Amino acid sequence: MSLYTVLIVDDEEEFREMTVKRLSKRDLECDSAPDGDTALEMITKKNYDVVLLDVKMPGKDGIETLREIKRITPMTEVVMLTGHASVESGINGIKYGAFDYLMKPMELDPLFEKLNAAYERKREQQAKIEMAQIKKDMARPF
């Protein structure tokens, strides 16, 4: 059984395939999308815990895609991927709800740690929401 689900969104096919393969070996359930529109379509059909999202893509860029992801599934955590020239875009992503950003290229261990931290935050937020719902239900008169 996988630890959690990840969607990798990047226009570089070789990067996507390699990342899926490497993360799958660490017991993550991974899917990939070549662009923002495909990713958004996939997100409407499947619940992903974490999205690894490239900032620079043709068509809908990472920031636009991030904003749509957060509108559709606000609990999904997003880690932005950025090159040296677009660090500002990565930082802007955080303003729009991204968990964090990573510089490309990156090593597998820091990537895995960042994805784990993002998933842990999602899990904690879900637990708080569930606890609030339980308290609300218990406060209701019979």
Protein backbone atom coordinates (compact mmCIF):
# COMPACT_ATOMS: atom_id res chain seq x y z
CA MET A 1 0.00 0.00 0.00
CA SER A 2 1.26 3.47 -0.85
CA LEU A 3 2.02 6.12 1.74
CA TYR A 4 0.08 8.81 -0.17
CA THR A 5 -0.72 10.03 -3.68
CA VAL A 6 1.34 12.47 -5.73
CA LEU A 7 0.67 14.13 -9.07
CA ILE A 8 3.79 15.30 -10.91
CA VAL A 9 3.10 18.12 -13.37
CA ASP A 10 5.96 19.07 -15.68
CA ASP A 11 6.30 19.58 -19.42
CA GLU A 12 9.63 17.69 -19.50
CA GLU A 13 8.67 14.07 -20.18
CA GLU A 14 12.02 12.60 -19.10
CA PHE A 15 11.84 14.44 -15.76
CA ARG A 16 8.25 13.26 -15.16
CA GLU A 17 9.01 9.63 -15.95
CA MET A 18 12.18 9.56 -13.85
CA THR A 19 10.47 11.24 -10.90
CA VAL A 20 7.48 8.88 -11.01
CA LYS A 21 9.82 5.88 -11.12
CA ARG A 22 12.01 7.10 -8.25
CA LEU A 23 9.13 8.11 -5.97
CA SER A 24 7.20 4.92 -6.70
CA LYS A 25 10.16 2.97 -5.36
CA ARG A 26 9.59 4.83 -2.09
CA ASP A 27 6.00 3.58 -1.88
CA LEU A 28 4.28 6.69 -3.20
CA GLU A 29 1.41 6.34 -5.65
CA CYS A 30 2.41 8.65 -8.50
CA ASP A 31 0.70 9.90 -11.63
CA SER A 32 1.97 12.53 -14.02
CA ALA A 33 0.64 15.23 -16.31
CA PRO A 34 2.45 17.15 -19.07
CA ASP A 35 0.62 20.45 -18.50
CA GLY A 36 -1.70 22.37 -16.22
CA ASP A 37 -4.91 21.63 -18.09
CA THR A 38 -4.29 17.87 -18.00
CA ALA A 39 -3.42 18.08 -14.30
CA LEU A 40 -6.64 19.93 -13.50
CA GLU A 41 -8.67 17.35 -15.40
CA MET A 42 -6.95 14.55 -13.45
CA ILE A 43 -7.56 16.32 -10.12
CA THR A 44 -11.29 16.45 -10.79
CA LYS A 45 -11.29 12.64 -11.18
CA LYS A 46 -8.89 11.58 -8.42
CA ASN A 47 -7.97 12.94 -5.00
CA TYR A 48 -4.23 13.66 -4.78
CA ASP A 49 -2.57 14.40 -1.47
CA VAL A 50 0.35 16.37 -2.94
CA VAL A 51 1.03 17.92 -6.34
CA LEU A 52 4.59 18.56 -7.53
CA LEU A 53 4.07 21.42 -9.98
CA ASP A 54 6.52 23.06 -12.38
CA VAL A 55 6.24 26.85 -12.56
CA LYS A 56 7.31 27.24 -16.21
CA MET A 57 5.13 25.30 -18.63
CA PRO A 58 3.61 26.11 -22.00
CA GLY A 59 -0.08 26.96 -21.89
CA LYS A 60 -1.38 27.34 -18.35
CA ASP A 61 1.67 28.09 -16.20
CA GLY A 62 2.29 26.75 -12.71
CA ILE A 63 0.88 29.75 -10.87
CA GLU A 64 -2.41 29.64 -12.81
CA THR A 65 -2.59 25.88 -12.29
CA LEU A 66 -1.86 26.27 -8.56
CA ARG A 67 -4.70 28.76 -8.17
CA GLU A 68 -7.13 26.37 -9.88
CA ILE A 69 -5.93 23.39 -7.81
CA LYS A 70 -6.53 25.35 -4.61
CA ARG A 71 -9.98 26.39 -5.85
CA ILE A 72 -10.97 22.80 -6.77
CA THR A 73 -9.31 20.92 -3.86
CA PRO A 74 -8.10 23.37 -1.20
CA MET A 75 -6.70 20.59 1.00
CA THR A 76 -4.29 19.34 -1.67
CA GLU A 77 -0.77 20.51 -0.89
CA VAL A 78 1.33 21.83 -3.77
CA VAL A 79 5.12 21.94 -3.99
CA MET A 80 6.32 24.23 -6.77
CA LEU A 81 9.33 23.40 -8.95
CA THR A 82 11.35 26.31 -10.22
CA GLY A 83 14.55 26.96 -12.13
CA HIS A 84 17.11 29.56 -11.06
CA ALA A 85 15.56 32.19 -13.33
CA SER A 86 12.11 31.86 -11.78
CA VAL A 87 12.73 31.85 -8.02
CA GLU A 88 10.39 34.82 -7.73
CA SER A 89 7.63 32.69 -9.30
CA GLY A 90 8.23 30.00 -6.69
CA ILE A 91 7.91 32.56 -3.94
CA ASN A 92 4.74 33.93 -5.56
CA GLY A 93 3.39 30.39 -5.52
CA ILE A 94 3.61 30.40 -1.74
CA LYS A 95 1.50 33.56 -1.71
CA TYR A 96 -1.19 31.64 -3.61
CA GLY A 97 -1.18 28.66 -1.29
CA ALA A 98 1.75 26.45 -2.30
CA PHE A 99 3.33 24.53 0.57
CA ASP A 100 6.86 25.38 -0.59
CA TYR A 101 9.07 25.39 -3.63
CA LEU A 102 12.15 23.49 -4.76
CA MET A 103 14.89 24.48 -7.17
CA LYS A 104 15.47 22.30 -10.22
CA PRO A 105 17.46 20.13 -10.49
CA MET A 106 17.08 18.58 -7.05
CA GLU A 107 18.20 15.43 -5.31
CA LEU A 108 15.69 12.71 -4.47
CA ASP A 109 16.09 12.83 -0.68
CA PRO A 110 15.26 16.55 -0.29
CA LEU A 111 12.34 16.11 -2.70
CA PHE A 112 11.02 13.13 -0.74
CA GLU A 113 11.38 15.04 2.55
CA LYS A 114 9.51 18.07 1.14
CA LEU A 115 6.69 15.87 -0.19
CA ASN A 116 6.46 14.10 3.18
CA ALA A 117 6.27 17.45 5.00
CA ALA A 118 3.53 18.64 2.63
CA TYR A 119 1.56 15.43 3.15
CA GLU A 120 1.98 15.70 6.92
CA ARG A 121 0.55 19.24 6.86
CA LYS A 122 -2.43 18.02 4.83
CA ARG A 123 -3.00 15.16 7.27
CA GLU A 124 -2.84 17.51 10.28
CA GLN A 125 -5.29 19.95 8.67
CA GLN A 126 -7.72 17.12 7.90
CA ALA A 127 -7.48 15.88 11.49
CA LYS A 128 -8.30 19.38 12.81
CA ILE A 129 -11.31 19.64 10.53
CA GLU A 130 -12.55 16.19 11.58
CA MET A 131 -12.09 17.06 15.26
CA ALA A 132 -13.99 20.33 14.83
CA GLN A 133 -16.83 18.43 13.15
CA ILE A 134 -16.95 15.90 16.00
CA LYS A 135 -17.10 18.70 18.57
CA LYS A 136 -19.84 20.41 16.59
CA ASP A 137 -21.83 17.17 16.37
CA MET A 138 -21.42 16.50 20.09
CA ALA A 139 -22.64 19.99 20.98
CA ARG A 140 -25.97 19.40 19.24
CA PRO A 141 -28.89 18.62 21.51
CA PHE A 142 -30.40 15.16 21.12
